[in-house]
Amino acid sequence: MPSKAPFFENLSSPSIRTTQIRVGAANENRGKAFVIYEDIYDAKDALEHLNGFNVCGRYLVVLYFHPEKEQKRINLEKQRKEVEELRKMVDAGRGK
């Protein structure tokens, strides 16, 4: 399989500066890349031009990061774990 690294290197140029490019390696981030642009207009331009772009036979889906959605997801996961722990305590009290 050809390397995708050259593609990521081309996401910035002298006129479009990126702050950070991270390629997901963990199972939950596998197949994802996170690009942080210095300027919001560069991010907007990347979204408009790269969404649907074909790379190595796969199409890119480009989205803006929404911190409030991520925080909600983290809080929901935390609540699920708390509920599961409470269920285990209740089941243990019942002798199950």
N, C-alpha and C. Protein backbone atom coordinates (compact mmCIF):
# COMPACT_ATOMS: atom_id res chain seq x y z
N MET A 1 0.85 -1.19 0.00
CA MET A 1 0.00 0.00 0.00
C MET A 1 0.89 1.24 0.00
N PRO A 2 0.66 2.21 -0.89
CA PRO A 2 1.50 3.40 -0.94
C PRO A 2 1.32 4.27 0.29
N SER A 3 2.40 4.96 0.64
CA SER A 3 2.37 5.84 1.81
C SER A 3 1.51 7.07 1.54
N LYS A 4 0.79 7.49 2.57
CA LYS A 4 -0.05 8.69 2.45
C LYS A 4 0.67 9.93 2.98
N ALA A 5 1.90 9.76 3.48
CA ALA A 5 2.64 10.87 4.07
C ALA A 5 2.81 12.05 3.12
N PRO A 6 3.16 11.85 1.84
CA PRO A 6 3.31 13.01 0.95
C PRO A 6 2.03 13.85 0.87
N PHE A 7 0.87 13.19 0.92
CA PHE A 7 -0.38 13.94 0.88
C PHE A 7 -0.47 14.89 2.07
N PHE A 8 -0.15 14.40 3.25
CA PHE A 8 -0.25 15.23 4.45
C PHE A 8 0.78 16.35 4.44
N GLU A 9 1.94 16.10 3.85
CA GLU A 9 2.96 17.15 3.75
C GLU A 9 2.48 18.30 2.86
N ASN A 10 1.61 18.01 1.90
CA ASN A 10 1.11 19.02 0.98
C ASN A 10 -0.08 19.81 1.52
N LEU A 11 -0.49 19.54 2.75
CA LEU A 11 -1.62 20.27 3.33
C LEU A 11 -1.23 21.68 3.77
N SER A 12 0.06 21.97 3.79
CA SER A 12 0.49 23.32 4.13
C SER A 12 1.44 23.82 3.05
N SER A 13 1.52 25.12 2.94
CA SER A 13 2.39 25.77 1.97
C SER A 13 2.79 27.11 2.57
N PRO A 14 3.66 27.88 1.90
CA PRO A 14 4.02 29.19 2.45
C PRO A 14 2.81 30.09 2.68
N SER A 15 1.78 29.97 1.86
CA SER A 15 0.61 30.82 2.03
C SER A 15 -0.43 30.22 2.97
N ILE A 16 -0.39 28.89 3.15
CA ILE A 16 -1.32 28.21 4.06
C ILE A 16 -0.48 27.51 5.12
N ARG A 17 -0.54 28.03 6.34
CA ARG A 17 0.30 27.49 7.41
C ARG A 17 -0.53 26.63 8.35
N THR A 18 -0.01 25.44 8.61
CA THR A 18 -0.64 24.56 9.58
C THR A 18 0.14 24.63 10.88
N THR A 19 -0.57 24.49 11.99
CA THR A 19 0.06 24.48 13.30
C THR A 19 0.47 23.06 13.65
N GLN A 20 -0.39 22.10 13.27
CA GLN A 20 -0.18 20.72 13.66
C GLN A 20 -0.86 19.77 12.69
N ILE A 21 -0.22 18.66 12.39
CA ILE A 21 -0.84 17.58 11.62
C ILE A 21 -0.60 16.30 12.41
N ARG A 22 -1.69 15.63 12.80
CA ARG A 22 -1.59 14.38 13.55
C ARG A 22 -2.40 13.31 12.84
N VAL A 23 -1.78 12.15 12.67
CA VAL A 23 -2.45 11.02 12.06
C VAL A 23 -2.78 10.04 13.16
N GLY A 24 -4.06 9.65 13.26
CA GLY A 24 -4.51 8.76 14.33
C GLY A 24 -3.90 7.38 14.21
N ALA A 25 -3.41 6.87 15.34
CA ALA A 25 -2.82 5.53 15.37
C ALA A 25 -3.62 4.60 16.27
N ALA A 26 -4.30 5.14 17.27
CA ALA A 26 -5.10 4.32 18.17
C ALA A 26 -6.32 3.78 17.42
N ASN A 27 -6.87 2.69 17.92
CA ASN A 27 -8.02 2.06 17.25
C ASN A 27 -9.16 3.05 17.03
N GLU A 28 -9.44 3.89 18.01
CA GLU A 28 -10.56 4.84 17.87
C GLU A 28 -10.27 5.96 16.87
N ASN A 29 -9.00 6.21 16.57
CA ASN A 29 -8.62 7.26 15.64
C ASN A 29 -8.02 6.73 14.34
N ARG A 30 -8.03 5.43 14.19
CA ARG A 30 -7.41 4.83 13.00
C ARG A 30 -8.13 5.31 11.75
N GLY A 31 -7.36 5.74 10.77
CA GLY A 31 -7.93 6.23 9.52
C GLY A 31 -8.32 7.69 9.57
N LYS A 32 -7.99 8.35 10.67
CA LYS A 32 -8.33 9.77 10.80
C LYS A 32 -7.05 10.60 10.89
N ALA A 33 -7.15 11.83 10.44
CA ALA A 33 -6.05 12.78 10.59
C ALA A 33 -6.63 14.08 11.11
N PHE A 34 -5.86 14.77 11.90
CA PHE A 34 -6.28 16.03 12.48
C PHE A 34 -5.31 17.11 12.04
N VAL A 35 -5.82 18.13 11.39
CA VAL A 35 -4.99 19.22 10.88
C VAL A 35 -5.46 20.51 11.54
N ILE A 36 -4.52 21.22 12.14
CA ILE A 36 -4.85 22.49 12.78
C ILE A 36 -4.20 23.60 11.97
N TYR A 37 -5.03 24.49 11.47
CA TYR A 37 -4.55 25.62 10.68
C TYR A 37 -4.42 26.86 11.55
N GLU A 38 -3.47 27.72 11.21
CA GLU A 38 -3.28 28.97 11.96
C GLU A 38 -4.43 29.93 11.70
N ASP A 39 -4.97 29.90 10.51
CA ASP A 39 -6.00 30.86 10.13
C ASP A 39 -7.32 30.13 9.83
N ILE A 40 -8.41 30.65 10.35
CA ILE A 40 -9.72 30.03 10.15
C ILE A 40 -10.10 29.97 8.67
N TYR A 41 -9.66 30.93 7.90
CA TYR A 41 -9.99 30.96 6.48
C TYR A 41 -9.26 29.84 5.72
N ASP A 42 -8.05 29.49 6.17
CA ASP A 42 -7.34 28.36 5.57
C ASP A 42 -8.07 27.05 5.88
N ALA A 43 -8.59 26.95 7.10
CA ALA A 43 -9.36 25.75 7.47
C ALA A 43 -10.63 25.66 6.63
N LYS A 44 -11.28 26.78 6.43
CA LYS A 44 -12.50 26.82 5.61
C LYS A 44 -12.18 26.42 4.17
N ASP A 45 -11.06 26.93 3.66
CA ASP A 45 -10.63 26.61 2.30
C ASP A 45 -10.33 25.10 2.17
N ALA A 46 -9.67 24.54 3.18
CA ALA A 46 -9.36 23.10 3.17
C ALA A 46 -10.65 22.29 3.18
N LEU A 47 -11.60 22.71 3.99
CA LEU A 47 -12.88 21.99 4.05
C LEU A 47 -13.57 22.00 2.70
N GLU A 48 -13.59 23.15 2.05
CA GLU A 48 -14.28 23.28 0.76
C GLU A 48 -13.58 22.50 -0.35
N HIS A 49 -12.25 22.48 -0.35
CA HIS A 49 -11.51 21.88 -1.46
C HIS A 49 -11.12 20.42 -1.24
N LEU A 50 -11.00 19.98 0.00
CA LEU A 50 -10.53 18.62 0.25
C LEU A 50 -11.66 17.64 0.53
N ASN A 51 -12.83 18.13 0.91
CA ASN A 51 -13.94 17.23 1.20
C ASN A 51 -14.34 16.51 -0.09
N GLY A 52 -14.30 15.18 -0.06
CA GLY A 52 -14.63 14.39 -1.24
C GLY A 52 -13.43 14.09 -2.13
N PHE A 53 -12.25 14.60 -1.78
CA PHE A 53 -11.02 14.37 -2.55
C PHE A 53 -10.63 12.90 -2.42
N ASN A 54 -10.21 12.28 -3.52
CA ASN A 54 -9.83 10.87 -3.53
C ASN A 54 -8.34 10.74 -3.24
N VAL A 55 -8.01 9.96 -2.20
CA VAL A 55 -6.63 9.68 -1.82
C VAL A 55 -6.47 8.17 -1.74
N CYS A 56 -5.64 7.62 -2.59
CA CYS A 56 -5.36 6.17 -2.60
C CYS A 56 -6.64 5.36 -2.67
N GLY A 57 -7.59 5.80 -3.47
CA GLY A 57 -8.83 5.06 -3.65
C GLY A 57 -9.87 5.26 -2.57
N ARG A 58 -9.62 6.17 -1.63
CA ARG A 58 -10.59 6.46 -0.56
C ARG A 58 -10.90 7.95 -0.59
N TYR A 59 -12.15 8.27 -0.30
CA TYR A 59 -12.58 9.66 -0.33
C TYR A 59 -12.48 10.30 1.04
N LEU A 60 -11.95 11.52 1.07
CA LEU A 60 -11.82 12.25 2.32
C LEU A 60 -13.15 12.82 2.76
N VAL A 61 -13.37 12.80 4.04
CA VAL A 61 -14.50 13.48 4.66
C VAL A 61 -13.87 14.51 5.59
N VAL A 62 -14.07 15.78 5.31
CA VAL A 62 -13.44 16.85 6.08
C VAL A 62 -14.51 17.54 6.90
N LEU A 63 -14.24 17.66 8.19
CA LEU A 63 -15.17 18.28 9.12
C LEU A 63 -14.43 19.26 10.01
N TYR A 64 -15.15 20.23 10.52
CA TYR A 64 -14.61 21.11 11.55
C TYR A 64 -14.67 20.39 12.89
N PHE A 65 -13.72 20.65 13.76
CA PHE A 65 -13.75 20.10 15.11
C PHE A 65 -14.67 20.97 15.95
N HIS A 66 -15.55 20.32 16.70
CA HIS A 66 -16.48 21.02 17.58
C HIS A 66 -16.17 20.62 19.02
N PRO A 67 -15.46 21.47 19.78
CA PRO A 67 -15.07 21.08 21.14
C PRO A 67 -16.27 20.78 22.04
N GLU A 68 -17.38 21.51 21.85
CA GLU A 68 -18.55 21.26 22.71
C GLU A 68 -19.14 19.88 22.47
N LYS A 69 -19.13 19.40 21.23
CA LYS A 69 -19.61 18.05 20.93
C LYS A 69 -18.69 17.00 21.56
N GLU A 70 -17.40 17.25 21.49
CA GLU A 70 -16.44 16.31 22.07
C GLU A 70 -16.61 16.24 23.58
N GLN A 71 -16.83 17.39 24.21
CA GLN A 71 -17.02 17.42 25.66
C GLN A 71 -18.29 16.67 26.04
N LYS A 72 -19.36 16.83 25.25
CA LYS A 72 -20.61 16.09 25.50
C LYS A 72 -20.37 14.59 25.40
N ARG A 73 -19.61 14.18 24.41
CA ARG A 73 -19.30 12.76 24.22
C ARG A 73 -18.53 12.22 25.42
N ILE A 74 -17.55 12.98 25.88
CA ILE A 74 -16.75 12.57 27.04
C ILE A 74 -17.63 12.46 28.28
N ASN A 75 -18.49 13.46 28.49
CA ASN A 75 -19.39 13.45 29.66
C ASN A 75 -20.35 12.27 29.60
N LEU A 76 -20.89 11.99 28.42
CA LEU A 76 -21.81 10.87 28.25
C LEU A 76 -21.12 9.55 28.56
N GLU A 77 -19.90 9.39 28.09
CA GLU A 77 -19.15 8.16 28.37
C GLU A 77 -18.89 8.02 29.87
N LYS A 78 -18.57 9.12 30.52
CA LYS A 78 -18.34 9.11 31.97
C LYS A 78 -19.62 8.70 32.71
N GLN A 79 -20.76 9.25 32.28
CA GLN A 79 -22.04 8.91 32.90
C GLN A 79 -22.37 7.43 32.69
N ARG A 80 -22.09 6.91 31.51
CA ARG A 80 -22.35 5.48 31.24
C ARG A 80 -21.54 4.60 32.17
N LYS A 81 -20.28 4.96 32.39
CA LYS A 81 -19.43 4.17 33.29
C LYS A 81 -19.97 4.24 34.72
N GLU A 82 -20.41 5.41 35.15
CA GLU A 82 -20.96 5.57 36.50
C GLU A 82 -22.22 4.73 36.66
N VAL A 83 -23.09 4.73 35.67
CA VAL A 83 -24.32 3.93 35.72
C VAL A 83 -23.97 2.44 35.78
N GLU A 84 -23.01 2.02 35.00
CA GLU A 84 -22.60 0.61 35.01
C GLU A 84 -22.05 0.21 36.38
N GLU A 85 -21.27 1.08 37.00
CA GLU A 85 -20.75 0.79 38.34
C GLU A 85 -21.88 0.71 39.36
N LEU A 86 -22.86 1.60 39.27
CA LEU A 86 -24.01 1.56 40.17
C LEU A 86 -24.81 0.28 39.98
N ARG A 87 -24.98 -0.15 38.73
CA ARG A 87 -25.70 -1.40 38.45
C ARG A 87 -24.98 -2.58 39.09
N LYS A 88 -23.66 -2.58 38.98
CA LYS A 88 -22.89 -3.68 39.58
C LYS A 88 -23.05 -3.68 41.10
N MET A 89 -23.06 -2.49 41.71
CA MET A 89 -23.24 -2.40 43.16
C MET A 89 -24.63 -2.90 43.57
N VAL A 90 -25.64 -2.52 42.83
CA VAL A 90 -27.01 -2.96 43.13
C VAL A 90 -27.13 -4.46 42.96
N ASP A 91 -26.57 -4.99 41.86
CA ASP A 91 -26.61 -6.44 41.63
C ASP A 91 -25.87 -7.19 42.72
N ALA A 92 -24.74 -6.65 43.18
CA ALA A 92 -23.97 -7.29 44.25
C ALA A 92 -24.77 -7.28 45.55
N GLY A 93 -25.51 -6.21 45.81
CA GLY A 93 -26.34 -6.11 47.01
C GLY A 93 -27.51 -7.08 46.99
N ARG A 94 -27.97 -7.44 45.82
CA ARG A 94 -29.09 -8.37 45.66
C ARG A 94 -28.62 -9.83 45.70
N GLY A 95 -27.31 -9.99 45.64
CA GLY A 95 -26.77 -11.35 45.68
C GLY A 95 -26.70 -12.02 44.33
N LYS A 96 -26.66 -11.24 43.25
CA LYS A 96 -26.58 -11.81 41.89
C LYS A 96 -25.14 -12.06 41.50
